[in-house]
Amino acid sequence: MECVVQGIIETQHVEALEILLQGLCGVQRERLRIHELCLKNGPHLGPVSSEVRLLCDLEQTEPSWTVRHVGGAMRGAGADQISVLVRTMVESKVSKNVLRMFYTLGYKLDHELLRVGFSFKFNRGAQITVRVSSVNKMLKLHATDEAVPVTPGIQMVEVTAPASDENYAEVAAAVQSFCEYLAPLLHLSKPGVSTGVVPTAAAAAASLMSDGGGTPL
């Protein structure tokens, strides 16, 4: 399982967000360049639609592949009371021939994206990962060098943490607590819930840039 929240931020404020994250996390950022392929099953594989995502990490000397399947979100009164989405997720490292295998099984390429940005991975009550990236689409099949932004001027922010049936409440609380520090710059909410940009983000970003992120939080 994993706990996740998402949000958007204007590209002009991303540098300030990076400064804030650097101060909060105390670790160096990692460059992010992920080629993401979304595959969907054909009708002969069953009446229930299935979707898997193949992720290729282009930052590695030898590009590495991961297959990721996101399941349903937790429902009920308990889920409604927390601002973090808790969902099932299965992820595994695979070989570079995995795309051919899924094509053989009858899956079809639905769309592909290129995510470019940076991430921070740290422990703050849970193993939290923050990814900040621009989302780009390919003009030609697999042509990552020719990718163009889907939403120019806007970048996606995603905060995730692995969880289990036994500890998801504690992990969700840790994620929610951490996200409060980012509130001056962006709204973070459950995936699918659009909250837009923070009206006062420009002032908060200017303050962070002026003091270099040195203010302890």
N, C-alpha and C. Protein backbone atom coordinates (compact mmCIF):
# COMPACT_ATOMS: atom_id res chain seq x y z
N MET A 1 0.84 -1.19 0.00
CA MET A 1 0.00 0.00 0.00
C MET A 1 0.88 1.25 0.00
N GLU A 2 0.27 2.36 -0.34
CA GLU A 2 0.98 3.62 -0.24
C GLU A 2 0.01 4.74 0.12
N CYS A 3 0.55 5.78 0.74
CA CYS A 3 -0.19 7.00 1.02
C CYS A 3 0.30 8.06 0.04
N VAL A 4 -0.63 8.83 -0.52
CA VAL A 4 -0.24 9.77 -1.56
C VAL A 4 -1.11 11.02 -1.54
N VAL A 5 -0.48 12.16 -1.81
CA VAL A 5 -1.18 13.42 -2.08
C VAL A 5 -0.48 14.08 -3.26
N GLN A 6 -1.22 14.91 -3.99
CA GLN A 6 -0.68 15.58 -5.16
C GLN A 6 -1.08 17.04 -5.18
N GLY A 7 -0.37 17.81 -5.96
CA GLY A 7 -0.71 19.21 -6.14
C GLY A 7 0.04 19.79 -7.32
N ILE A 8 -0.22 21.05 -7.63
CA ILE A 8 0.47 21.71 -8.72
C ILE A 8 1.09 23.01 -8.22
N ILE A 9 2.15 23.42 -8.89
CA ILE A 9 2.83 24.67 -8.53
C ILE A 9 3.30 25.34 -9.82
N GLU A 10 3.26 26.65 -9.83
CA GLU A 10 3.75 27.37 -11.00
C GLU A 10 5.26 27.21 -11.10
N THR A 11 5.75 27.02 -12.31
CA THR A 11 7.16 26.77 -12.53
C THR A 11 8.04 27.87 -11.94
N GLN A 12 7.56 29.10 -11.95
CA GLN A 12 8.35 30.21 -11.42
C GLN A 12 8.62 30.09 -9.92
N HIS A 13 7.84 29.24 -9.21
CA HIS A 13 8.02 29.07 -7.77
C HIS A 13 8.73 27.76 -7.40
N VAL A 14 9.13 26.99 -8.41
CA VAL A 14 9.74 25.68 -8.14
C VAL A 14 11.08 25.83 -7.43
N GLU A 15 11.87 26.83 -7.79
CA GLU A 15 13.16 27.02 -7.12
C GLU A 15 12.97 27.28 -5.63
N ALA A 16 11.95 28.07 -5.29
CA ALA A 16 11.68 28.33 -3.87
C ALA A 16 11.24 27.06 -3.17
N LEU A 17 10.44 26.24 -3.84
CA LEU A 17 10.01 24.97 -3.26
C LEU A 17 11.21 24.06 -3.03
N GLU A 18 12.14 24.05 -3.96
CA GLU A 18 13.35 23.23 -3.79
C GLU A 18 14.15 23.69 -2.58
N ILE A 19 14.27 25.01 -2.39
CA ILE A 19 14.99 25.54 -1.23
C ILE A 19 14.30 25.11 0.06
N LEU A 20 12.97 25.19 0.07
CA LEU A 20 12.21 24.78 1.25
C LEU A 20 12.40 23.30 1.54
N LEU A 21 12.31 22.47 0.51
CA LEU A 21 12.46 21.02 0.68
C LEU A 21 13.87 20.67 1.15
N GLN A 22 14.87 21.37 0.62
CA GLN A 22 16.24 21.12 1.03
C GLN A 22 16.42 21.37 2.52
N GLY A 23 15.80 22.46 3.00
CA GLY A 23 15.90 22.78 4.42
C GLY A 23 15.14 21.80 5.29
N LEU A 24 13.99 21.33 4.81
CA LEU A 24 13.17 20.41 5.59
C LEU A 24 13.74 19.00 5.63
N CYS A 25 14.26 18.56 4.49
CA CYS A 25 14.65 17.15 4.37
C CYS A 25 16.09 16.88 4.82
N GLY A 26 16.98 17.86 4.59
CA GLY A 26 18.37 17.66 4.98
C GLY A 26 19.11 16.66 4.13
N VAL A 27 18.60 16.37 2.92
CA VAL A 27 19.28 15.46 1.99
C VAL A 27 19.39 16.16 0.64
N GLN A 28 20.29 15.65 -0.19
CA GLN A 28 20.45 16.22 -1.52
C GLN A 28 19.33 15.74 -2.44
N ARG A 29 18.94 16.59 -3.34
CA ARG A 29 17.91 16.21 -4.30
C ARG A 29 18.48 15.21 -5.31
N GLU A 30 17.59 14.45 -5.91
CA GLU A 30 17.96 13.52 -6.98
C GLU A 30 17.29 13.98 -8.27
N ARG A 31 18.04 13.94 -9.35
CA ARG A 31 17.46 14.32 -10.64
C ARG A 31 16.44 13.29 -11.09
N LEU A 32 15.39 13.76 -11.74
CA LEU A 32 14.29 12.90 -12.13
C LEU A 32 14.07 13.01 -13.64
N ARG A 33 14.12 11.90 -14.31
CA ARG A 33 13.81 11.84 -15.75
C ARG A 33 13.22 10.46 -16.03
N ILE A 34 11.90 10.39 -16.01
CA ILE A 34 11.20 9.12 -16.10
C ILE A 34 10.35 9.05 -17.36
N HIS A 35 10.59 8.03 -18.16
CA HIS A 35 9.75 7.74 -19.33
C HIS A 35 8.66 6.79 -18.87
N GLU A 36 7.42 7.24 -18.92
CA GLU A 36 6.29 6.48 -18.38
C GLU A 36 5.36 6.03 -19.51
N LEU A 37 5.12 4.73 -19.59
CA LEU A 37 4.22 4.17 -20.60
C LEU A 37 3.02 3.56 -19.90
N CYS A 38 1.84 3.96 -20.30
CA CYS A 38 0.60 3.43 -19.74
C CYS A 38 0.02 2.39 -20.69
N LEU A 39 -0.13 1.17 -20.20
CA LEU A 39 -0.66 0.07 -21.01
C LEU A 39 -2.01 -0.37 -20.48
N LYS A 40 -2.93 -0.69 -21.41
CA LYS A 40 -4.24 -1.19 -21.02
C LYS A 40 -4.49 -2.52 -21.72
N ASN A 41 -5.24 -3.39 -21.01
CA ASN A 41 -5.47 -4.73 -21.55
C ASN A 41 -6.53 -4.71 -22.65
N GLY A 42 -6.44 -5.71 -23.52
CA GLY A 42 -7.42 -5.85 -24.59
C GLY A 42 -8.65 -6.60 -24.09
N PRO A 43 -9.74 -6.61 -24.88
CA PRO A 43 -10.99 -7.25 -24.45
C PRO A 43 -10.87 -8.75 -24.24
N HIS A 44 -9.93 -9.41 -24.93
CA HIS A 44 -9.80 -10.86 -24.78
C HIS A 44 -9.15 -11.26 -23.46
N LEU A 45 -8.67 -10.26 -22.68
CA LEU A 45 -8.05 -10.56 -21.39
C LEU A 45 -9.03 -10.51 -20.23
N GLY A 46 -10.31 -10.27 -20.56
CA GLY A 46 -11.32 -10.24 -19.50
C GLY A 46 -12.17 -8.99 -19.58
N PRO A 47 -13.35 -9.02 -18.96
CA PRO A 47 -14.27 -7.88 -19.03
C PRO A 47 -13.85 -6.68 -18.18
N VAL A 48 -12.98 -6.93 -17.19
CA VAL A 48 -12.55 -5.85 -16.30
C VAL A 48 -11.29 -5.20 -16.87
N SER A 49 -11.34 -3.89 -17.05
CA SER A 49 -10.19 -3.19 -17.60
C SER A 49 -9.04 -3.18 -16.60
N SER A 50 -7.85 -3.31 -17.12
CA SER A 50 -6.66 -3.32 -16.28
C SER A 50 -5.63 -2.38 -16.87
N GLU A 51 -4.90 -1.70 -16.00
CA GLU A 51 -3.91 -0.73 -16.45
C GLU A 51 -2.62 -0.93 -15.69
N VAL A 52 -1.52 -0.97 -16.39
CA VAL A 52 -0.21 -1.03 -15.76
C VAL A 52 0.65 0.09 -16.35
N ARG A 53 1.61 0.52 -15.58
CA ARG A 53 2.52 1.56 -16.05
C ARG A 53 3.96 1.03 -16.01
N LEU A 54 4.64 1.23 -17.11
CA LEU A 54 6.05 0.87 -17.19
C LEU A 54 6.86 2.15 -17.05
N LEU A 55 7.78 2.15 -16.12
CA LEU A 55 8.58 3.34 -15.84
C LEU A 55 10.04 3.05 -16.15
N CYS A 56 10.63 3.87 -17.02
CA CYS A 56 12.04 3.72 -17.34
C CYS A 56 12.80 4.91 -16.78
N ASP A 57 13.74 4.64 -15.87
CA ASP A 57 14.54 5.68 -15.25
C ASP A 57 15.69 6.03 -16.19
N LEU A 58 15.57 7.16 -16.89
CA LEU A 58 16.57 7.57 -17.87
C LEU A 58 17.79 8.22 -17.24
N GLU A 59 17.76 8.45 -15.93
CA GLU A 59 18.91 9.05 -15.24
C GLU A 59 19.99 8.01 -14.95
N GLN A 60 19.65 6.74 -15.04
CA GLN A 60 20.63 5.69 -14.79
C GLN A 60 21.55 5.52 -15.99
N THR A 61 22.80 5.14 -15.73
CA THR A 61 23.75 4.88 -16.82
C THR A 61 23.19 3.81 -17.75
N GLU A 62 22.64 2.77 -17.14
CA GLU A 62 21.93 1.73 -17.87
C GLU A 62 20.46 1.86 -17.49
N PRO A 63 19.62 2.44 -18.37
CA PRO A 63 18.22 2.69 -18.01
C PRO A 63 17.56 1.47 -17.37
N SER A 64 16.93 1.69 -16.21
CA SER A 64 16.28 0.59 -15.49
C SER A 64 14.77 0.71 -15.61
N TRP A 65 14.09 -0.44 -15.65
CA TRP A 65 12.65 -0.48 -15.85
C TRP A 65 11.93 -0.97 -14.60
N THR A 66 10.77 -0.40 -14.35
CA THR A 66 9.90 -0.80 -13.24
C THR A 66 8.48 -0.94 -13.76
N VAL A 67 7.80 -1.99 -13.35
CA VAL A 67 6.38 -2.13 -13.67
C VAL A 67 5.59 -1.78 -12.42
N ARG A 68 4.55 -0.98 -12.60
CA ARG A 68 3.79 -0.46 -11.46
C ARG A 68 2.30 -0.62 -11.73
N HIS A 69 1.59 -1.22 -10.79
CA HIS A 69 0.14 -1.37 -10.89
C HIS A 69 -0.50 -0.73 -9.66
N VAL A 70 -1.34 0.28 -9.89
CA VAL A 70 -2.02 0.98 -8.80
C VAL A 70 -3.43 0.43 -8.68
N GLY A 71 -3.77 -0.06 -7.50
CA GLY A 71 -5.09 -0.63 -7.26
C GLY A 71 -6.06 0.41 -6.73
N GLY A 72 -7.13 -0.09 -6.15
CA GLY A 72 -8.19 0.79 -5.66
C GLY A 72 -7.81 1.49 -4.36
N ALA A 73 -8.47 2.61 -4.12
CA ALA A 73 -8.24 3.39 -2.90
C ALA A 73 -9.06 2.82 -1.75
N MET A 74 -8.55 2.97 -0.54
CA MET A 74 -9.27 2.55 0.65
C MET A 74 -10.53 3.40 0.79
N ARG A 75 -11.63 2.77 1.14
CA ARG A 75 -12.90 3.48 1.27
C ARG A 75 -13.47 3.29 2.68
N GLY A 76 -14.48 4.08 2.99
CA GLY A 76 -15.11 3.97 4.29
C GLY A 76 -14.93 5.23 5.12
N ALA A 77 -15.51 5.21 6.32
CA ALA A 77 -15.47 6.37 7.20
C ALA A 77 -14.03 6.76 7.56
N GLY A 78 -13.20 5.75 7.81
CA GLY A 78 -11.82 6.03 8.18
C GLY A 78 -11.08 6.75 7.07
N ALA A 79 -11.28 6.33 5.82
CA ALA A 79 -10.61 6.95 4.69
C ALA A 79 -11.09 8.38 4.47
N ASP A 80 -12.37 8.62 4.70
CA ASP A 80 -12.94 9.95 4.49
C ASP A 80 -12.41 10.97 5.49
N GLN A 81 -11.98 10.50 6.64
CA GLN A 81 -11.55 11.40 7.71
C GLN A 81 -10.10 11.87 7.57
N ILE A 82 -9.35 11.27 6.66
CA ILE A 82 -7.96 11.70 6.47
C ILE A 82 -7.82 12.36 5.11
N SER A 83 -6.88 13.30 5.02
CA SER A 83 -6.71 14.06 3.78
C SER A 83 -5.71 13.43 2.84
N VAL A 84 -5.25 12.23 3.19
CA VAL A 84 -4.28 11.50 2.38
C VAL A 84 -4.96 10.28 1.77
N LEU A 85 -4.70 10.03 0.49
CA LEU A 85 -5.28 8.84 -0.16
C LEU A 85 -4.44 7.62 0.18
N VAL A 86 -5.10 6.56 0.61
CA VAL A 86 -4.44 5.29 0.89
C VAL A 86 -4.90 4.29 -0.17
N ARG A 87 -3.96 3.72 -0.92
CA ARG A 87 -4.33 2.82 -2.01
C ARG A 87 -3.34 1.67 -2.09
N THR A 88 -3.79 0.60 -2.74
CA THR A 88 -2.90 -0.54 -2.95
C THR A 88 -1.99 -0.24 -4.15
N MET A 89 -0.80 -0.79 -4.09
CA MET A 89 0.17 -0.54 -5.15
C MET A 89 1.16 -1.69 -5.18
N VAL A 90 1.43 -2.19 -6.38
CA VAL A 90 2.43 -3.24 -6.56
C VAL A 90 3.47 -2.73 -7.55
N GLU A 91 4.74 -2.83 -7.16
CA GLU A 91 5.82 -2.32 -8.01
C GLU A 91 6.96 -3.31 -8.01
N SER A 92 7.56 -3.51 -9.17
CA SER A 92 8.64 -4.49 -9.27
C SER A 92 9.62 -4.09 -10.37
N LYS A 93 10.89 -4.36 -10.14
CA LYS A 93 11.91 -4.14 -11.16
C LYS A 93 11.78 -5.21 -12.24
N VAL A 94 11.96 -4.80 -13.48
CA VAL A 94 11.83 -5.74 -14.60
C VAL A 94 12.94 -5.49 -15.61
N SER A 95 13.05 -6.40 -16.58
CA SER A 95 14.08 -6.26 -17.61
C SER A 95 13.61 -5.31 -18.70
N LYS A 96 14.53 -4.93 -19.57
CA LYS A 96 14.21 -3.99 -20.64
C LYS A 96 13.30 -4.61 -21.70
N ASN A 97 13.10 -5.93 -21.64
CA ASN A 97 12.22 -6.61 -22.60
C ASN A 97 10.77 -6.66 -22.14
N VAL A 98 10.45 -5.97 -21.02
CA VAL A 98 9.12 -6.09 -20.44
C VAL A 98 8.02 -5.55 -21.36
N LEU A 99 8.32 -4.51 -22.14
CA LEU A 99 7.30 -3.96 -23.04
C LEU A 99 6.87 -5.00 -24.07
N ARG A 100 7.83 -5.71 -24.62
CA ARG A 100 7.52 -6.76 -25.59
C ARG A 100 6.66 -7.84 -24.96
N MET A 101 6.95 -8.17 -23.69
CA MET A 101 6.18 -9.20 -23.01
C MET A 101 4.72 -8.78 -22.85
N PHE A 102 4.47 -7.52 -22.42
CA PHE A 102 3.09 -7.06 -22.25
C PHE A 102 2.35 -6.99 -23.59
N TYR A 103 3.06 -6.62 -24.65
CA TYR A 103 2.43 -6.63 -25.98
C TYR A 103 2.02 -8.05 -26.35
N THR A 104 2.87 -9.02 -26.03
CA THR A 104 2.56 -10.42 -26.31
C THR A 104 1.34 -10.88 -25.53
N LEU A 105 1.18 -10.38 -24.31
CA LEU A 105 0.02 -10.74 -23.48
C LEU A 105 -1.27 -10.09 -23.96
N GLY A 106 -1.16 -9.12 -24.85
CA GLY A 106 -2.36 -8.47 -25.37
C GLY A 106 -2.60 -7.07 -24.88
N TYR A 107 -1.66 -6.52 -24.13
CA TYR A 107 -1.80 -5.12 -23.69
C TYR A 107 -1.47 -4.18 -24.84
N LYS A 108 -2.09 -3.02 -24.83
CA LYS A 108 -1.86 -2.01 -25.85
C LYS A 108 -1.36 -0.72 -25.19
N LEU A 109 -0.52 0.02 -25.91
CA LEU A 109 -0.04 1.30 -25.40
C LEU A 109 -1.16 2.32 -25.47
N ASP A 110 -1.52 2.88 -24.30
CA ASP A 110 -2.58 3.88 -24.25
C ASP A 110 -2.00 5.29 -24.44
N HIS A 111 -0.95 5.59 -23.68
CA HIS A 111 -0.25 6.87 -23.84
C HIS A 111 1.10 6.79 -23.15
N GLU A 112 1.96 7.73 -23.44
CA GLU A 112 3.26 7.78 -22.78
C GLU A 112 3.59 9.22 -22.43
N LEU A 113 4.35 9.36 -21.34
CA LEU A 113 4.72 10.66 -20.82
C LEU A 113 6.21 10.67 -20.45
N LEU A 114 6.77 11.85 -20.36
CA LEU A 114 8.12 12.03 -19.86
C LEU A 114 8.03 13.01 -18.69
N ARG A 115 8.46 12.56 -17.52
CA ARG A 115 8.45 13.42 -16.33
C ARG A 115 9.89 13.85 -16.03
N VAL A 116 10.11 15.16 -15.98
CA VAL A 116 11.45 15.70 -15.79
C VAL A 116 11.43 16.65 -14.59
N GLY A 117 12.33 16.44 -13.65
CA GLY A 117 12.38 17.32 -12.48
C GLY A 117 13.36 16.80 -11.45
N PHE A 118 12.92 16.73 -10.20
CA PHE A 118 13.79 16.28 -9.12
C PHE A 118 12.95 15.64 -8.02
N SER A 119 13.62 14.93 -7.13
CA SER A 119 12.92 14.29 -6.01
C SER A 119 13.78 14.36 -4.76
N PHE A 120 13.11 14.27 -3.62
CA PHE A 120 13.78 14.16 -2.32
C PHE A 120 13.24 12.92 -1.63
N LYS A 121 14.12 12.11 -1.07
CA LYS A 121 13.72 10.91 -0.33
C LYS A 121 14.33 11.00 1.07
N PHE A 122 13.47 10.86 2.09
CA PHE A 122 13.94 11.08 3.46
C PHE A 122 13.00 10.39 4.44
N ASN A 123 13.40 10.36 5.69
CA ASN A 123 12.58 9.76 6.75
C ASN A 123 12.11 10.86 7.69
N ARG A 124 10.80 10.99 7.80
CA ARG A 124 10.22 11.97 8.72
C ARG A 124 8.93 11.36 9.30
N GLY A 125 9.11 10.37 10.15
CA GLY A 125 7.98 9.62 10.68
C GLY A 125 7.53 8.53 9.74
N ALA A 126 8.03 8.56 8.50
CA ALA A 126 7.75 7.56 7.47
C ALA A 126 8.78 7.78 6.36
N GLN A 127 8.92 6.80 5.48
CA GLN A 127 9.83 6.94 4.35
C GLN A 127 9.11 7.74 3.25
N ILE A 128 9.31 9.04 3.25
CA ILE A 128 8.57 9.94 2.37
C ILE A 128 9.40 10.28 1.13
N THR A 129 8.73 10.31 -0.01
CA THR A 129 9.34 10.75 -1.26
C THR A 129 8.53 11.91 -1.82
N VAL A 130 9.22 13.00 -2.17
CA VAL A 130 8.58 14.15 -2.81
C VAL A 130 9.13 14.26 -4.22
N ARG A 131 8.26 14.25 -5.22
CA ARG A 131 8.67 14.39 -6.62
C ARG A 131 8.07 15.67 -7.19
N VAL A 132 8.91 16.46 -7.82
CA VAL A 132 8.48 17.70 -8.47
C VAL A 132 8.88 17.58 -9.94
N SER A 133 7.93 17.63 -10.85
CA SER A 133 8.27 17.38 -12.25
C SER A 133 7.32 18.07 -13.22
N SER A 134 7.87 18.37 -14.38
CA SER A 134 7.03 18.82 -15.49
C SER A 134 6.59 17.57 -16.25
N VAL A 135 5.36 17.58 -16.72
CA VAL A 135 4.81 16.44 -17.45
C VAL A 135 4.83 16.77 -18.94
N ASN A 136 5.48 15.91 -19.71
CA ASN A 136 5.65 16.15 -21.14
C ASN A 136 5.08 15.00 -21.96
N LYS A 137 4.59 15.32 -23.15
CA LYS A 137 4.08 14.29 -24.05
C LYS A 137 4.99 14.15 -25.26
N MET A 138 4.99 12.96 -25.84
CA MET A 138 5.82 12.68 -27.00
C MET A 138 5.05 12.97 -28.28
N LEU A 139 5.73 13.66 -29.21
CA LEU A 139 5.11 13.94 -30.51
C LEU A 139 5.20 12.73 -31.43
N LYS A 140 6.19 11.88 -31.16
CA LYS A 140 6.35 10.64 -31.91
C LYS A 140 6.53 9.51 -30.90
N LEU A 141 6.24 8.30 -31.31
CA LEU A 141 6.33 7.14 -30.42
C LEU A 141 7.73 7.02 -29.83
N HIS A 142 7.80 7.03 -28.49
CA HIS A 142 9.04 6.84 -27.73
C HIS A 142 10.08 7.94 -27.96
N ALA A 143 9.72 9.04 -28.59
CA ALA A 143 10.69 10.10 -28.91
C ALA A 143 10.84 11.04 -27.72
N THR A 144 11.55 10.59 -26.70
CA THR A 144 11.68 11.38 -25.47
C THR A 144 12.44 12.69 -25.69
N ASP A 145 13.33 12.72 -26.68
CA ASP A 145 14.10 13.94 -26.94
C ASP A 145 13.24 15.04 -27.57
N GLU A 146 12.05 14.68 -28.04
CA GLU A 146 11.18 15.66 -28.69
C GLU A 146 9.94 15.94 -27.85
N ALA A 147 9.97 15.59 -26.57
CA ALA A 147 8.81 15.76 -25.70
C ALA A 147 8.54 17.25 -25.47
N VAL A 148 7.25 17.59 -25.37
CA VAL A 148 6.84 18.98 -25.12
C VAL A 148 5.93 19.01 -23.89
N PRO A 149 5.95 20.11 -23.13
CA PRO A 149 5.15 20.19 -21.90
C PRO A 149 3.66 20.05 -22.16
N VAL A 150 2.98 19.31 -21.29
CA VAL A 150 1.53 19.17 -21.37
C VAL A 150 0.87 20.42 -20.79
N THR A 151 1.43 20.93 -19.70
CA THR A 151 0.90 22.14 -19.06
C THR A 151 2.05 23.12 -18.85
N PRO A 152 2.38 23.90 -19.86
CA PRO A 152 3.49 24.86 -19.73
C PRO A 152 3.26 25.82 -18.55
N GLY A 153 4.32 26.03 -17.77
CA GLY A 153 4.21 26.95 -16.64
C GLY A 153 3.71 26.32 -15.36
N ILE A 154 3.33 25.04 -15.42
CA ILE A 154 2.82 24.33 -14.24
C ILE A 154 3.60 23.04 -14.05
N GLN A 155 3.96 22.72 -12.80
CA GLN A 155 4.62 21.45 -12.53
C GLN A 155 3.83 20.66 -11.48
N MET A 156 3.97 19.36 -11.54
CA MET A 156 3.26 18.45 -10.65
C MET A 156 4.12 18.14 -9.42
N VAL A 157 3.49 18.13 -8.25
CA VAL A 157 4.16 17.75 -7.02
C VAL A 157 3.42 16.54 -6.43
N GLU A 158 4.16 15.49 -6.11
CA GLU A 158 3.56 14.27 -5.55
C GLU A 158 4.35 13.87 -4.31
N VAL A 159 3.62 13.60 -3.23
CA VAL A 159 4.23 13.14 -1.98
C VAL A 159 3.69 11.74 -1.70
N THR A 160 4.59 10.77 -1.58
CA THR A 160 4.17 9.39 -1.34
C THR A 160 4.96 8.79 -0.20
N ALA A 161 4.40 7.73 0.40
CA ALA A 161 5.08 6.97 1.44
C ALA A 161 4.51 5.56 1.46
N PRO A 162 5.35 4.53 1.51
CA PRO A 162 4.85 3.16 1.58
C PRO A 162 4.16 2.90 2.90
N ALA A 163 3.14 2.05 2.87
CA ALA A 163 2.37 1.74 4.08
C ALA A 163 1.91 0.29 4.02
N SER A 164 1.30 -0.14 5.11
CA SER A 164 0.75 -1.49 5.20
C SER A 164 -0.60 -1.43 5.90
N ASP A 165 -1.28 -2.57 5.98
CA ASP A 165 -2.57 -2.62 6.67
C ASP A 165 -2.43 -2.23 8.14
N GLU A 166 -1.26 -2.49 8.71
CA GLU A 166 -1.08 -2.24 10.14
C GLU A 166 -0.70 -0.80 10.47
N ASN A 167 -0.02 -0.10 9.54
CA ASN A 167 0.51 1.22 9.92
C ASN A 167 0.05 2.38 9.04
N TYR A 168 -0.93 2.14 8.16
CA TYR A 168 -1.29 3.21 7.21
C TYR A 168 -1.76 4.48 7.91
N ALA A 169 -2.40 4.35 9.07
CA ALA A 169 -2.88 5.54 9.78
C ALA A 169 -1.71 6.40 10.25
N GLU A 170 -0.66 5.76 10.78
CA GLU A 170 0.51 6.50 11.23
C GLU A 170 1.25 7.13 10.05
N VAL A 171 1.36 6.38 8.94
CA VAL A 171 2.05 6.91 7.76
C VAL A 171 1.27 8.09 7.18
N ALA A 172 -0.05 7.96 7.10
CA ALA A 172 -0.88 9.05 6.58
C ALA A 172 -0.73 10.30 7.44
N ALA A 173 -0.66 10.11 8.76
CA ALA A 173 -0.50 11.25 9.67
C ALA A 173 0.86 11.91 9.46
N ALA A 174 1.91 11.10 9.21
CA ALA A 174 3.24 11.65 8.98
C ALA A 174 3.28 12.46 7.69
N VAL A 175 2.64 11.95 6.65
CA VAL A 175 2.58 12.66 5.36
C VAL A 175 1.80 13.96 5.52
N GLN A 176 0.67 13.87 6.18
CA GLN A 176 -0.16 15.05 6.38
C GLN A 176 0.58 16.13 7.18
N SER A 177 1.31 15.71 8.21
CA SER A 177 2.06 16.64 9.03
C SER A 177 3.16 17.33 8.22
N PHE A 178 3.87 16.55 7.40
CA PHE A 178 4.93 17.13 6.58
C PHE A 178 4.36 18.13 5.57
N CYS A 179 3.22 17.80 4.98
CA CYS A 179 2.64 18.66 3.95
C CYS A 179 2.24 20.03 4.49
N GLU A 180 2.01 20.12 5.77
CA GLU A 180 1.65 21.42 6.36
C GLU A 180 2.79 22.44 6.18
N TYR A 181 4.04 21.97 6.15
CA TYR A 181 5.17 22.87 5.95
C TYR A 181 5.20 23.44 4.53
N LEU A 182 4.57 22.73 3.59
CA LEU A 182 4.59 23.16 2.19
C LEU A 182 3.39 24.04 1.84
N ALA A 183 2.47 24.20 2.79
CA ALA A 183 1.23 24.92 2.54
C ALA A 183 1.40 26.34 2.01
N PRO A 184 2.45 27.09 2.42
CA PRO A 184 2.59 28.45 1.88
C PRO A 184 2.79 28.49 0.36
N LEU A 185 3.29 27.37 -0.20
CA LEU A 185 3.60 27.36 -1.63
C LEU A 185 2.62 26.57 -2.49
N LEU A 186 1.98 25.55 -1.93
CA LEU A 186 1.09 24.76 -2.76
C LEU A 186 0.05 24.01 -1.94
N HIS A 187 -1.09 23.75 -2.57
CA HIS A 187 -2.12 22.90 -2.00
C HIS A 187 -1.81 21.45 -2.37
N LEU A 188 -1.92 20.55 -1.40
CA LEU A 188 -1.76 19.12 -1.65
C LEU A 188 -3.02 18.42 -1.20
N SER A 189 -3.54 17.53 -2.06
CA SER A 189 -4.79 16.85 -1.76
C SER A 189 -4.77 15.46 -2.38
N LYS A 190 -5.82 14.71 -2.15
CA LYS A 190 -5.93 13.38 -2.73
C LYS A 190 -5.94 13.46 -4.26
N PRO A 191 -5.31 12.50 -4.95
CA PRO A 191 -5.33 12.51 -6.41
C PRO A 191 -6.76 12.59 -6.94
N GLY A 192 -6.96 13.40 -7.95
CA GLY A 192 -8.29 13.57 -8.51
C GLY A 192 -9.06 14.74 -7.94
N VAL A 193 -8.55 15.30 -6.84
CA VAL A 193 -9.19 16.47 -6.23
C VAL A 193 -8.37 17.70 -6.60
N SER A 194 -8.89 18.51 -7.50
CA SER A 194 -8.15 19.68 -7.98
C SER A 194 -8.35 20.86 -7.04
N THR A 195 -7.24 21.40 -6.53
CA THR A 195 -7.31 22.53 -5.59
C THR A 195 -6.64 23.79 -6.14
N GLY A 196 -5.98 23.67 -7.30
CA GLY A 196 -5.36 24.84 -7.91
C GLY A 196 -4.11 25.30 -7.20
N VAL A 197 -3.66 26.51 -7.58
CA VAL A 197 -2.44 27.06 -7.01
C VAL A 197 -2.77 27.95 -5.82
N VAL A 198 -1.78 28.17 -4.96
CA VAL A 198 -1.95 29.01 -3.77
C VAL A 198 -1.86 30.49 -4.18
N PRO A 199 -2.87 31.31 -3.88
CA PRO A 199 -2.86 32.72 -4.29
C PRO A 199 -1.68 33.51 -3.74
N THR A 200 -1.21 33.13 -2.54
CA THR A 200 -0.13 33.87 -1.89
C THR A 200 1.24 33.22 -2.11
N ALA A 201 1.34 32.28 -3.07
CA ALA A 201 2.60 31.56 -3.29
C ALA A 201 3.73 32.51 -3.69
N ALA A 202 3.43 33.55 -4.46
CA ALA A 202 4.47 34.47 -4.94
C ALA A 202 5.17 35.15 -3.75
N ALA A 203 4.39 35.60 -2.77
CA ALA A 203 4.97 36.26 -1.60
C ALA A 203 5.79 35.27 -0.78
N ALA A 204 5.26 34.05 -0.60
CA ALA A 204 5.99 33.04 0.16
C ALA A 204 7.29 32.67 -0.54
N ALA A 205 7.23 32.54 -1.87
CA ALA A 205 8.43 32.20 -2.63
C ALA A 205 9.47 33.30 -2.54
N ALA A 206 9.02 34.56 -2.63
CA ALA A 206 9.95 35.69 -2.55
C ALA A 206 10.65 35.72 -1.19
N SER A 207 9.92 35.39 -0.14
CA SER A 207 10.50 35.37 1.20
C SER A 207 11.55 34.27 1.31
N LEU A 208 11.26 33.10 0.77
CA LEU A 208 12.20 31.99 0.82
C LEU A 208 13.46 32.30 0.03
N MET A 209 13.27 32.92 -1.13
CA MET A 209 14.42 33.22 -1.99
C MET A 209 15.31 34.29 -1.35
N SER A 210 14.69 35.22 -0.63
CA SER A 210 15.48 36.32 -0.05
C SER A 210 16.36 35.87 1.09
N ASP A 211 15.89 34.87 1.88
CA ASP A 211 16.71 34.40 3.00
C ASP A 211 17.44 33.11 2.67
N GLY A 212 17.31 32.67 1.43
CA GLY A 212 18.06 31.49 1.00
C GLY A 212 17.62 30.20 1.65
N GLY A 213 16.43 30.23 2.22
CA GLY A 213 15.94 29.02 2.86
C GLY A 213 16.58 28.75 4.19
N GLY A 214 17.24 29.75 4.76
CA GLY A 214 17.97 29.53 6.01
C GLY A 214 17.11 29.57 7.24
N THR A 215 15.88 30.01 7.12
CA THR A 215 15.00 30.09 8.29
C THR A 215 14.61 28.70 8.75
N PRO A 216 14.91 28.32 9.99
CA PRO A 216 14.55 26.97 10.47
C PRO A 216 13.04 26.86 10.61
N LEU A 217 12.52 25.65 10.26
CA LEU A 217 11.09 25.40 10.35
C LEU A 217 10.83 24.24 11.29
